[in-house]
Amino acid sequence: MATVELRFSALPEHVRTARLVAAAVARRAGVDEAVLDEVRLAVGEACSRAVGLHESHDIATPVRVLLIEDEKKFSIEVGDGVPGGPGGAGAQGASQAEGVADSDGEGEDEMGLAVISGLVDDVEVTAGKEGGMIRMTWPTTTAAVLP
């Protein structure tokens, strides 16, 4: 199992770099070429969400991205530093009352999660004391298929 770890300051201009690195590592891991655009878009949404959460909660810690290559799958974990329990700021965010949700940016947060869910079949969103995390997983092809 090979892992690449990327940490970046919670600034929107760094999201593009995370997308490029994720696509390059996904390609090397054996993710189908037809899926690489989905990988880029999903990572962009997840990183933009994390940057937005850091900005809205005044969190100075970096956004964390783990790119994990396993034998038959490739996973990307995007972590934010916003503490929260289930349904808290780092989770899917549906527990707050309507009206309050939009003022805290929760509407954008839910929209980003909806986009990610539409792009990736295997998505897991968790939250805890250390922050939230989105794990996205894609199947890989084996190198033995080459003629």
C-alpha atoms as a PDB file:
ATOM      1  CA  MET A   1       0.000   0.000   0.000  1.00  0.00           C
ATOM      2  CA  ALA A   2       1.479   3.311  -1.117  1.00  0.00           C
ATOM      3  CA  THR A   3       0.331   6.601   0.391  1.00  0.00           C
ATOM      4  CA  VAL A   4       0.973  10.189  -0.664  1.00  0.00           C
ATOM      5  CA  GLU A   5       0.163  12.908   1.853  1.00  0.00           C
ATOM      6  CA  LEU A   6      -0.499  16.485   0.835  1.00  0.00           C
ATOM      7  CA  ARG A   7      -1.079  19.345   3.277  1.00  0.00           C
ATOM      8  CA  PHE A   8      -1.863  22.867   2.168  1.00  0.00           C
ATOM      9  CA  SER A   9      -2.882  26.185   3.667  1.00  0.00           C
ATOM     10  CA  ALA A  10      -6.645  26.653   3.513  1.00  0.00           C
ATOM     11  CA  LEU A  11      -6.531  28.987   0.519  1.00  0.00           C
ATOM     12  CA  PRO A  12      -8.652  28.546  -2.629  1.00  0.00           C
ATOM     13  CA  GLU A  13      -5.633  28.855  -4.922  1.00  0.00           C
ATOM     14  CA  HIS A  14      -4.173  25.618  -3.525  1.00  0.00           C
ATOM     15  CA  VAL A  15      -7.215  23.533  -4.521  1.00  0.00           C
ATOM     16  CA  ARG A  16      -6.030  23.367  -8.140  1.00  0.00           C
ATOM     17  CA  THR A  17      -2.687  21.919  -7.044  1.00  0.00           C
ATOM     18  CA  ALA A  18      -4.470  19.255  -4.990  1.00  0.00           C
ATOM     19  CA  ARG A  19      -6.593  18.347  -8.034  1.00  0.00           C
ATOM     20  CA  LEU A  20      -3.527  17.987 -10.261  1.00  0.00           C
ATOM     21  CA  VAL A  21      -1.626  15.872  -7.734  1.00  0.00           C
ATOM     22  CA  ALA A  22      -4.676  13.647  -7.147  1.00  0.00           C
ATOM     23  CA  ALA A  23      -5.142  13.029 -10.867  1.00  0.00           C
ATOM     24  CA  ALA A  24      -1.460  12.198 -11.364  1.00  0.00           C
ATOM     25  CA  VAL A  25      -1.384   9.741  -8.456  1.00  0.00           C
ATOM     26  CA  ALA A  26      -4.721   8.203  -9.529  1.00  0.00           C
ATOM     27  CA  ARG A  27      -3.356   7.633 -13.032  1.00  0.00           C
ATOM     28  CA  ARG A  28      -0.230   5.982 -11.634  1.00  0.00           C
ATOM     29  CA  ALA A  29      -2.368   3.836  -9.302  1.00  0.00           C
ATOM     30  CA  GLY A  30      -4.305   2.432 -12.250  1.00  0.00           C
ATOM     31  CA  VAL A  31      -7.583   4.351 -12.120  1.00  0.00           C
ATOM     32  CA  ASP A  32      -9.300   4.159 -15.512  1.00  0.00           C
ATOM     33  CA  GLU A  33      -8.499   7.156 -17.757  1.00  0.00           C
ATOM     34  CA  ALA A  34     -12.223   7.714 -18.345  1.00  0.00           C
ATOM     35  CA  VAL A  35     -12.701   8.330 -14.605  1.00  0.00           C
ATOM     36  CA  LEU A  36      -9.828  10.792 -14.067  1.00  0.00           C
ATOM     37  CA  ASP A  37     -12.022  13.844 -14.747  1.00  0.00           C
ATOM     38  CA  GLU A  38     -14.397  12.641 -12.030  1.00  0.00           C
ATOM     39  CA  VAL A  39     -11.442  12.215  -9.666  1.00  0.00           C
ATOM     40  CA  ARG A  40     -10.300  15.788 -10.386  1.00  0.00           C
ATOM     41  CA  LEU A  41     -13.777  17.248  -9.913  1.00  0.00           C
ATOM     42  CA  ALA A  42     -14.499  15.285  -6.726  1.00  0.00           C
ATOM     43  CA  VAL A  43     -11.169  16.249  -5.161  1.00  0.00           C
ATOM     44  CA  GLY A  44     -11.749  19.869  -6.149  1.00  0.00           C
ATOM     45  CA  GLU A  45     -15.169  19.857  -4.470  1.00  0.00           C
ATOM     46  CA  ALA A  46     -13.874  18.132  -1.326  1.00  0.00           C
ATOM     47  CA  CYS A  47     -10.885  20.481  -1.016  1.00  0.00           C
ATOM     48  CA  SER A  48     -13.025  23.571  -1.703  1.00  0.00           C
ATOM     49  CA  ARG A  49     -15.422  22.403   1.010  1.00  0.00           C
ATOM     50  CA  ALA A  50     -12.539  21.956   3.460  1.00  0.00           C
ATOM     51  CA  VAL A  51     -11.105  25.394   2.596  1.00  0.00           C
ATOM     52  CA  GLY A  52     -14.543  26.970   3.102  1.00  0.00           C
ATOM     53  CA  LEU A  53     -14.977  25.264   6.466  1.00  0.00           C
ATOM     54  CA  HIS A  54     -11.522  26.417   7.584  1.00  0.00           C
ATOM     55  CA  GLU A  55     -12.272  29.996   6.522  1.00  0.00           C
ATOM     56  CA  SER A  56     -15.729  30.124   8.121  1.00  0.00           C
ATOM     57  CA  HIS A  57     -14.485  28.642  11.421  1.00  0.00           C
ATOM     58  CA  ASP A  58     -11.181  30.572  11.447  1.00  0.00           C
ATOM     59  CA  ILE A  59      -9.075  27.387  11.514  1.00  0.00           C
ATOM     60  CA  ALA A  60      -5.354  27.899  10.838  1.00  0.00           C
ATOM     61  CA  THR A  61      -4.347  24.246  10.444  1.00  0.00           C
ATOM     62  CA  PRO A  62      -3.708  22.947   6.919  1.00  0.00           C
ATOM     63  CA  VAL A  63      -6.164  20.917   4.856  1.00  0.00           C
ATOM     64  CA  ARG A  64      -5.036  17.267   4.679  1.00  0.00           C
ATOM     65  CA  VAL A  65      -5.245  15.092   1.574  1.00  0.00           C
ATOM     66  CA  LEU A  66      -4.212  11.420   1.646  1.00  0.00           C
ATOM     67  CA  LEU A  67      -3.904   9.525  -1.638  1.00  0.00           C
ATOM     68  CA  ILE A  68      -3.923   5.807  -0.854  1.00  0.00           C
ATOM     69  CA  GLU A  69      -3.126   3.117  -3.394  1.00  0.00           C
ATOM     70  CA  ASP A  70      -4.261  -0.395  -2.466  1.00  0.00           C
ATOM     71  CA  GLU A  71      -4.145  -3.563  -4.545  1.00  0.00           C
ATOM     72  CA  LYS A  72      -7.586  -3.191  -6.152  1.00  0.00           C
ATOM     73  CA  LYS A  73      -8.671   0.327  -5.176  1.00  0.00           C
ATOM     74  CA  PHE A  74      -7.515   3.922  -4.950  1.00  0.00           C
ATOM     75  CA  SER A  75      -8.786   6.135  -2.124  1.00  0.00           C
ATOM     76  CA  ILE A  76      -8.549   9.836  -1.445  1.00  0.00           C
ATOM     77  CA  GLU A  77      -9.197  11.264   2.014  1.00  0.00           C
ATOM     78  CA  VAL A  78      -9.716  15.008   2.380  1.00  0.00           C
ATOM     79  CA  GLY A  79      -9.684  16.155   5.990  1.00  0.00           C
ATOM     80  CA  ASP A  80     -10.622  19.464   7.531  1.00  0.00           C
ATOM     81  CA  GLY A  81      -9.693  20.689  10.997  1.00  0.00           C
ATOM     82  CA  VAL A  82     -13.215  21.665  12.061  1.00  0.00           C
ATOM     83  CA  PRO A  83     -14.167  19.642  15.152  1.00  0.00           C
ATOM     84  CA  GLY A  84     -17.668  18.267  15.370  1.00  0.00           C
ATOM     85  CA  GLY A  85     -19.554  15.168  16.326  1.00  0.00           C
ATOM     86  CA  PRO A  86     -21.982  13.329  14.080  1.00  0.00           C
ATOM     87  CA  GLY A  87     -24.037  15.962  12.308  1.00  0.00           C
ATOM     88  CA  GLY A  88     -21.597  18.667  13.408  1.00  0.00           C
ATOM     89  CA  ALA A  89     -19.724  21.173  11.266  1.00  0.00           C
ATOM     90  CA  GLY A  90     -17.408  18.554   9.842  1.00  0.00           C
ATOM     91  CA  ALA A  91     -20.175  16.097   8.943  1.00  0.00           C
ATOM     92  CA  GLN A  92     -23.003  16.282   6.476  1.00  0.00           C
ATOM     93  CA  GLY A  93     -24.396  19.265   8.364  1.00  0.00           C
ATOM     94  CA  ALA A  94     -28.120  18.464   8.176  1.00  0.00           C
ATOM     95  CA  SER A  95     -28.771  18.777  11.918  1.00  0.00           C
ATOM     96  CA  GLN A  96     -29.028  22.561  12.099  1.00  0.00           C
ATOM     97  CA  ALA A  97     -32.353  24.355  11.768  1.00  0.00           C
ATOM     98  CA  GLU A  98     -33.248  25.784   8.361  1.00  0.00           C
ATOM     99  CA  GLY A  99     -32.479  29.458   8.011  1.00  0.00           C
ATOM    100  CA  VAL A 100     -29.464  29.111  10.276  1.00  0.00           C
ATOM    101  CA  ALA A 101     -27.892  26.635   7.861  1.00  0.00           C
ATOM    102  CA  ASP A 102     -27.631  29.129   5.017  1.00  0.00           C
ATOM    103  CA  SER A 103     -26.044  31.818   7.182  1.00  0.00           C
ATOM    104  CA  ASP A 104     -23.293  29.412   8.234  1.00  0.00           C
ATOM    105  CA  GLY A 105     -22.549  28.288   4.672  1.00  0.00           C
ATOM    106  CA  GLU A 106     -24.182  24.895   5.300  1.00  0.00           C
ATOM    107  CA  GLY A 107     -26.188  25.187   2.057  1.00  0.00           C
ATOM    108  CA  GLU A 108     -22.964  25.332   0.052  1.00  0.00           C
ATOM    109  CA  ASP A 109     -21.538  22.507   2.164  1.00  0.00           C
ATOM    110  CA  GLU A 110     -24.513  20.261   1.385  1.00  0.00           C
ATOM    111  CA  MET A 111     -24.335  21.175  -2.309  1.00  0.00           C
ATOM    112  CA  GLY A 112     -20.640  20.221  -2.434  1.00  0.00           C
ATOM    113  CA  LEU A 113     -21.400  16.875  -0.790  1.00  0.00           C
ATOM    114  CA  ALA A 114     -24.218  16.267  -3.283  1.00  0.00           C
ATOM    115  CA  VAL A 115     -21.847  16.933  -6.188  1.00  0.00           C
ATOM    116  CA  ILE A 116     -19.239  14.567  -4.727  1.00  0.00           C
ATOM    117  CA  SER A 117     -21.875  11.861  -4.203  1.00  0.00           C
ATOM    118  CA  GLY A 118     -22.920  12.251  -7.841  1.00  0.00           C
ATOM    119  CA  LEU A 119     -19.339  11.830  -9.052  1.00  0.00           C
ATOM    120  CA  VAL A 120     -18.131   9.017  -6.786  1.00  0.00           C
ATOM    121  CA  ASP A 121     -19.952   5.748  -6.091  1.00  0.00           C
ATOM    122  CA  ASP A 122     -18.062   4.980  -2.867  1.00  0.00           C
ATOM    123  CA  VAL A 123     -18.082   8.034  -0.543  1.00  0.00           C
ATOM    124  CA  GLU A 124     -17.860   8.173   3.243  1.00  0.00           C
ATOM    125  CA  VAL A 125     -18.238  11.388   5.268  1.00  0.00           C
ATOM    126  CA  THR A 126     -17.198  11.325   8.920  1.00  0.00           C
ATOM    127  CA  ALA A 127     -16.598  13.853  11.677  1.00  0.00           C
ATOM    128  CA  GLY A 128     -14.902  13.780  15.028  1.00  0.00           C
ATOM    129  CA  LYS A 129     -13.032  15.808  17.599  1.00  0.00           C
ATOM    130  CA  GLU A 130     -10.066  16.268  15.250  1.00  0.00           C
ATOM    131  CA  GLY A 131     -12.208  17.363  12.287  1.00  0.00           C
ATOM    132  CA  GLY A 132     -14.184  16.019   9.371  1.00  0.00           C
ATOM    133  CA  MET A 133     -13.084  13.723   6.578  1.00  0.00           C
ATOM    134  CA  ILE A 134     -14.401  12.724   3.170  1.00  0.00           C
ATOM    135  CA  ARG A 135     -13.129   9.376   1.855  1.00  0.00           C
ATOM    136  CA  MET A 136     -13.663   8.652  -1.844  1.00  0.00           C
ATOM    137  CA  THR A 137     -12.724   5.320  -3.416  1.00  0.00           C
ATOM    138  CA  TRP A 138     -12.372   4.146  -7.026  1.00  0.00           C
ATOM    139  CA  PRO A 139     -11.484   0.707  -8.428  1.00  0.00           C
ATOM    140  CA  THR A 140      -8.163   0.258 -10.193  1.00  0.00           C
ATOM    141  CA  THR A 141      -7.214  -1.828 -13.173  1.00  0.00           C
ATOM    142  CA  THR A 142      -4.305  -4.227 -13.011  1.00  0.00           C
ATOM    143  CA  ALA A 143      -1.141  -3.623 -14.993  1.00  0.00           C
ATOM    144  CA  ALA A 144      -1.238  -7.278 -16.139  1.00  0.00           C
ATOM    145  CA  VAL A 145      -3.966  -6.410 -18.671  1.00  0.00           C
ATOM    146  CA  LEU A 146      -1.427  -4.791 -21.008  1.00  0.00           C
ATOM    147  CA  PRO A 147      -0.698  -6.796 -24.200  1.00  0.00           C
END
